[in-house]
Amino acid sequence: MAIKNNAITTSAANIYVSSGNTVITTIHLCNYSASPVTANVYLVPSGNIAGFTNIIYANVSITAYNTLIIYQEKFCLNNGDMVQANCSSNSAVTSTISYVGF
């Protein structure tokens, strides 16, 4: 099992890109600021962009100093598939993704 960490900004950007075939086991979005934020998470097939057709969490509220943990579903990704995210405030949220190859 491996992990990947990223800062999340207001623009949708890659927080994980699959190299080969991988399974996402958990996604943590940590709000380390004193204010609540909202976040979006997208599962984007290789060659596509984040949008309403591939959003899996929309405007999820994360209270101050709290963490959203996505662990109930396992996401199987092919080579080049991406997890993208954005949030309502820069310098407020980090992501940690746990994944394994298959």
N, C-alpha and C. Protein backbone atom coordinates (compact mmCIF):
# COMPACT_ATOMS: atom_id res chain seq x y z
N MET A 1 0.85 -1.17 0.00
CA MET A 1 0.00 0.00 0.00
C MET A 1 0.90 1.23 0.00
N ALA A 2 0.46 2.28 -0.70
CA ALA A 2 1.22 3.52 -0.80
C ALA A 2 0.31 4.70 -0.53
N ILE A 3 0.90 5.86 -0.26
CA ILE A 3 0.12 7.07 -0.05
C ILE A 3 0.63 8.20 -0.94
N LYS A 4 -0.26 9.15 -1.19
CA LYS A 4 0.06 10.33 -2.00
C LYS A 4 -0.58 11.53 -1.30
N ASN A 5 0.19 12.59 -1.05
CA ASN A 5 -0.30 13.80 -0.40
C ASN A 5 -0.23 14.99 -1.35
N ASN A 6 -1.23 15.88 -1.25
CA ASN A 6 -1.27 17.09 -2.08
C ASN A 6 -2.00 18.20 -1.36
N ALA A 7 -1.64 19.43 -1.68
CA ALA A 7 -2.44 20.59 -1.29
C ALA A 7 -3.57 20.73 -2.31
N ILE A 8 -4.74 21.15 -1.85
CA ILE A 8 -5.88 21.36 -2.74
C ILE A 8 -6.14 22.85 -2.83
N THR A 9 -6.37 23.32 -4.05
CA THR A 9 -6.62 24.75 -4.28
C THR A 9 -8.05 24.94 -4.81
N THR A 10 -8.36 26.16 -5.19
CA THR A 10 -9.70 26.46 -5.70
C THR A 10 -9.92 25.98 -7.12
N SER A 11 -8.86 25.60 -7.81
CA SER A 11 -8.98 25.06 -9.17
C SER A 11 -8.91 23.54 -9.13
N ALA A 12 -9.80 22.88 -9.86
CA ALA A 12 -9.75 21.41 -9.92
C ALA A 12 -8.41 20.98 -10.51
N ALA A 13 -7.72 20.13 -9.78
CA ALA A 13 -6.40 19.66 -10.22
C ALA A 13 -6.19 18.23 -9.74
N ASN A 14 -5.23 17.56 -10.37
CA ASN A 14 -4.93 16.18 -10.00
C ASN A 14 -4.43 16.11 -8.57
N ILE A 15 -5.00 15.18 -7.81
CA ILE A 15 -4.43 14.83 -6.52
C ILE A 15 -3.90 13.40 -6.57
N TYR A 16 -4.22 12.68 -7.64
CA TYR A 16 -3.66 11.35 -7.87
C TYR A 16 -3.86 11.00 -9.34
N VAL A 17 -2.82 10.43 -9.96
CA VAL A 17 -2.89 9.92 -11.32
C VAL A 17 -2.42 8.47 -11.27
N SER A 18 -3.24 7.56 -11.76
CA SER A 18 -2.91 6.14 -11.72
C SER A 18 -1.78 5.83 -12.68
N SER A 19 -0.80 5.12 -12.18
CA SER A 19 0.29 4.60 -12.99
C SER A 19 0.10 3.09 -13.05
N GLY A 20 -0.40 2.61 -14.16
CA GLY A 20 -0.83 1.21 -14.24
C GLY A 20 -2.24 1.10 -13.69
N ASN A 21 -2.60 -0.07 -13.23
CA ASN A 21 -3.93 -0.29 -12.65
C ASN A 21 -3.81 -0.23 -11.13
N THR A 22 -4.60 0.65 -10.51
CA THR A 22 -4.54 0.83 -9.07
C THR A 22 -5.94 0.88 -8.47
N VAL A 23 -6.00 0.65 -7.16
CA VAL A 23 -7.24 0.75 -6.41
C VAL A 23 -7.04 1.80 -5.33
N ILE A 24 -7.92 2.78 -5.30
CA ILE A 24 -7.92 3.78 -4.23
C ILE A 24 -8.65 3.16 -3.05
N THR A 25 -7.98 3.08 -1.89
CA THR A 25 -8.61 2.48 -0.72
C THR A 25 -9.23 3.53 0.19
N THR A 26 -8.60 4.69 0.33
CA THR A 26 -9.19 5.79 1.09
C THR A 26 -8.74 7.12 0.51
N ILE A 27 -9.58 8.12 0.73
CA ILE A 27 -9.23 9.52 0.41
C ILE A 27 -9.55 10.33 1.66
N HIS A 28 -8.57 11.06 2.15
CA HIS A 28 -8.76 11.96 3.29
C HIS A 28 -8.60 13.40 2.80
N LEU A 29 -9.54 14.25 3.13
CA LEU A 29 -9.44 15.68 2.86
C LEU A 29 -9.44 16.38 4.21
N CYS A 30 -8.31 16.97 4.57
CA CYS A 30 -8.13 17.58 5.89
C CYS A 30 -8.19 19.11 5.78
N ASN A 31 -9.14 19.70 6.48
CA ASN A 31 -9.24 21.16 6.57
C ASN A 31 -8.42 21.58 7.78
N TYR A 32 -7.25 22.17 7.52
CA TYR A 32 -6.37 22.59 8.61
C TYR A 32 -6.53 24.08 8.94
N SER A 33 -7.62 24.68 8.48
CA SER A 33 -7.85 26.11 8.74
C SER A 33 -8.91 26.30 9.83
N ALA A 34 -9.03 27.53 10.30
CA ALA A 34 -9.98 27.87 11.35
C ALA A 34 -11.38 28.16 10.81
N SER A 35 -11.58 28.02 9.50
CA SER A 35 -12.87 28.30 8.88
C SER A 35 -13.38 27.07 8.13
N PRO A 36 -14.69 26.91 8.04
CA PRO A 36 -15.22 25.80 7.24
C PRO A 36 -14.94 26.02 5.75
N VAL A 37 -14.82 24.94 5.01
CA VAL A 37 -14.63 25.00 3.56
C VAL A 37 -15.56 23.98 2.91
N THR A 38 -15.74 24.13 1.60
CA THR A 38 -16.43 23.09 0.83
C THR A 38 -15.43 22.51 -0.16
N ALA A 39 -15.66 21.24 -0.51
CA ALA A 39 -14.74 20.57 -1.43
C ALA A 39 -15.51 19.75 -2.44
N ASN A 40 -14.89 19.56 -3.60
CA ASN A 40 -15.41 18.70 -4.66
C ASN A 40 -14.35 17.66 -4.99
N VAL A 41 -14.79 16.43 -5.28
CA VAL A 41 -13.88 15.36 -5.67
C VAL A 41 -14.43 14.75 -6.96
N TYR A 42 -13.53 14.51 -7.91
CA TYR A 42 -13.89 13.98 -9.23
C TYR A 42 -13.07 12.72 -9.52
N LEU A 43 -13.69 11.72 -10.15
CA LEU A 43 -12.97 10.57 -10.71
C LEU A 43 -12.98 10.76 -12.22
N VAL A 44 -11.82 11.05 -12.78
CA VAL A 44 -11.72 11.48 -14.17
C VAL A 44 -11.00 10.43 -15.02
N PRO A 45 -11.69 9.88 -16.03
CA PRO A 45 -11.02 8.94 -16.92
C PRO A 45 -9.88 9.62 -17.68
N SER A 46 -8.87 8.85 -18.01
CA SER A 46 -7.72 9.35 -18.76
C SER A 46 -8.18 10.11 -20.00
N GLY A 47 -7.63 11.30 -20.21
CA GLY A 47 -7.96 12.10 -21.39
C GLY A 47 -9.15 13.02 -21.22
N ASN A 48 -9.86 12.95 -20.09
CA ASN A 48 -11.02 13.81 -19.84
C ASN A 48 -10.67 14.90 -18.84
N ILE A 49 -11.65 15.77 -18.54
CA ILE A 49 -11.46 16.84 -17.57
C ILE A 49 -12.54 16.73 -16.50
N ALA A 50 -12.27 17.33 -15.35
CA ALA A 50 -13.24 17.33 -14.25
C ALA A 50 -14.48 18.12 -14.65
N GLY A 51 -15.64 17.60 -14.30
CA GLY A 51 -16.90 18.27 -14.60
C GLY A 51 -18.08 17.57 -13.97
N PHE A 52 -19.26 18.00 -14.33
CA PHE A 52 -20.46 17.45 -13.70
C PHE A 52 -20.70 15.98 -14.04
N THR A 53 -20.08 15.46 -15.08
CA THR A 53 -20.29 14.05 -15.44
C THR A 53 -19.43 13.09 -14.64
N ASN A 54 -18.40 13.59 -13.93
CA ASN A 54 -17.55 12.69 -13.17
C ASN A 54 -17.31 13.13 -11.73
N ILE A 55 -18.15 14.04 -11.23
CA ILE A 55 -18.03 14.46 -9.83
C ILE A 55 -18.63 13.38 -8.93
N ILE A 56 -17.92 13.06 -7.84
CA ILE A 56 -18.44 12.05 -6.92
C ILE A 56 -18.79 12.64 -5.56
N TYR A 57 -18.20 13.78 -5.20
CA TYR A 57 -18.58 14.52 -4.00
C TYR A 57 -18.67 15.99 -4.40
N ALA A 58 -19.84 16.60 -4.18
CA ALA A 58 -20.06 17.98 -4.61
C ALA A 58 -20.34 18.88 -3.43
N ASN A 59 -19.56 19.93 -3.30
CA ASN A 59 -19.73 20.94 -2.26
C ASN A 59 -19.92 20.34 -0.88
N VAL A 60 -19.06 19.37 -0.56
CA VAL A 60 -19.10 18.74 0.75
C VAL A 60 -18.48 19.70 1.75
N SER A 61 -19.19 19.98 2.83
CA SER A 61 -18.69 20.89 3.86
C SER A 61 -17.74 20.15 4.80
N ILE A 62 -16.58 20.77 5.04
CA ILE A 62 -15.62 20.26 6.01
C ILE A 62 -15.41 21.36 7.05
N THR A 63 -15.82 21.08 8.26
CA THR A 63 -15.72 22.10 9.31
C THR A 63 -14.26 22.38 9.64
N ALA A 64 -14.03 23.46 10.37
CA ALA A 64 -12.68 23.86 10.75
C ALA A 64 -11.96 22.74 11.49
N TYR A 65 -10.72 22.51 11.13
CA TYR A 65 -9.86 21.51 11.77
C TYR A 65 -10.50 20.12 11.78
N ASN A 66 -11.15 19.74 10.69
CA ASN A 66 -11.79 18.44 10.59
C ASN A 66 -11.37 17.76 9.29
N THR A 67 -11.67 16.47 9.18
CA THR A 67 -11.25 15.68 8.02
C THR A 67 -12.43 14.90 7.46
N LEU A 68 -12.60 14.98 6.14
CA LEU A 68 -13.55 14.14 5.43
C LEU A 68 -12.80 12.88 5.02
N ILE A 69 -13.35 11.71 5.37
CA ILE A 69 -12.71 10.44 5.02
C ILE A 69 -13.65 9.67 4.11
N ILE A 70 -13.15 9.34 2.91
CA ILE A 70 -13.91 8.57 1.93
C ILE A 70 -13.29 7.17 1.89
N TYR A 71 -13.99 6.19 2.48
CA TYR A 71 -13.41 4.86 2.55
C TYR A 71 -14.38 3.73 2.26
N GLN A 72 -15.64 4.01 2.10
CA GLN A 72 -16.62 2.95 1.92
C GLN A 72 -16.56 2.32 0.55
N GLU A 73 -16.20 3.07 -0.45
CA GLU A 73 -16.10 2.56 -1.82
C GLU A 73 -14.64 2.43 -2.21
N LYS A 74 -14.31 1.41 -2.94
CA LYS A 74 -12.98 1.25 -3.52
C LYS A 74 -13.09 1.64 -4.99
N PHE A 75 -12.17 2.45 -5.46
CA PHE A 75 -12.21 2.91 -6.83
C PHE A 75 -11.07 2.27 -7.62
N CYS A 76 -11.41 1.52 -8.66
CA CYS A 76 -10.42 0.88 -9.53
C CYS A 76 -10.11 1.82 -10.69
N LEU A 77 -8.83 2.15 -10.84
CA LEU A 77 -8.41 3.09 -11.88
C LEU A 77 -7.49 2.41 -12.87
N ASN A 78 -7.66 2.71 -14.14
CA ASN A 78 -6.76 2.26 -15.19
C ASN A 78 -5.61 3.25 -15.32
N ASN A 79 -4.61 2.88 -16.07
CA ASN A 79 -3.47 3.76 -16.30
C ASN A 79 -3.93 5.13 -16.82
N GLY A 80 -3.51 6.20 -16.16
CA GLY A 80 -3.84 7.56 -16.58
C GLY A 80 -5.12 8.12 -16.01
N ASP A 81 -5.97 7.29 -15.40
CA ASP A 81 -7.17 7.81 -14.73
C ASP A 81 -6.73 8.67 -13.55
N MET A 82 -7.56 9.66 -13.20
CA MET A 82 -7.17 10.64 -12.20
C MET A 82 -8.23 10.84 -11.13
N VAL A 83 -7.77 11.21 -9.95
CA VAL A 83 -8.63 11.77 -8.92
C VAL A 83 -8.28 13.25 -8.90
N GLN A 84 -9.29 14.10 -9.07
CA GLN A 84 -9.07 15.54 -9.01
C GLN A 84 -9.94 16.12 -7.90
N ALA A 85 -9.53 17.26 -7.38
CA ALA A 85 -10.29 17.91 -6.32
C ALA A 85 -10.05 19.41 -6.36
N ASN A 86 -10.98 20.12 -5.75
CA ASN A 86 -10.81 21.54 -5.50
C ASN A 86 -11.60 21.89 -4.24
N CYS A 87 -11.33 23.07 -3.69
CA CYS A 87 -12.04 23.51 -2.49
C CYS A 87 -12.30 25.01 -2.57
N SER A 88 -13.04 25.51 -1.61
CA SER A 88 -13.49 26.90 -1.66
C SER A 88 -12.44 27.90 -1.18
N SER A 89 -11.31 27.44 -0.65
CA SER A 89 -10.30 28.36 -0.15
C SER A 89 -8.90 27.78 -0.36
N ASN A 90 -8.00 28.59 -0.88
CA ASN A 90 -6.60 28.16 -0.98
C ASN A 90 -5.99 28.08 0.41
N SER A 91 -4.95 27.31 0.55
CA SER A 91 -4.21 27.17 1.82
C SER A 91 -5.12 26.74 2.96
N ALA A 92 -5.99 25.75 2.70
CA ALA A 92 -6.89 25.29 3.74
C ALA A 92 -7.02 23.77 3.80
N VAL A 93 -6.82 23.07 2.67
CA VAL A 93 -7.12 21.63 2.63
C VAL A 93 -5.95 20.86 2.00
N THR A 94 -5.64 19.73 2.60
CA THR A 94 -4.69 18.78 2.02
C THR A 94 -5.40 17.45 1.79
N SER A 95 -4.90 16.70 0.84
CA SER A 95 -5.45 15.37 0.58
C SER A 95 -4.40 14.32 0.86
N THR A 96 -4.87 13.18 1.33
CA THR A 96 -4.04 11.99 1.47
C THR A 96 -4.81 10.84 0.84
N ILE A 97 -4.18 10.19 -0.12
CA ILE A 97 -4.83 9.08 -0.83
C ILE A 97 -4.00 7.83 -0.56
N SER A 98 -4.70 6.76 -0.18
CA SER A 98 -4.08 5.45 -0.01
C SER A 98 -4.47 4.59 -1.19
N TYR A 99 -3.48 3.90 -1.80
CA TYR A 99 -3.77 3.11 -2.99
C TYR A 99 -2.89 1.86 -3.06
N VAL A 100 -3.32 0.88 -3.83
CA VAL A 100 -2.55 -0.32 -4.10
C VAL A 100 -2.67 -0.65 -5.59
N GLY A 101 -1.70 -1.36 -6.12
CA GLY A 101 -1.76 -1.81 -7.50
C GLY A 101 -2.55 -3.11 -7.60
N PHE A 102 -3.09 -3.38 -8.80
CA PHE A 102 -3.76 -4.67 -9.02
C PHE A 102 -3.44 -5.20 -10.39
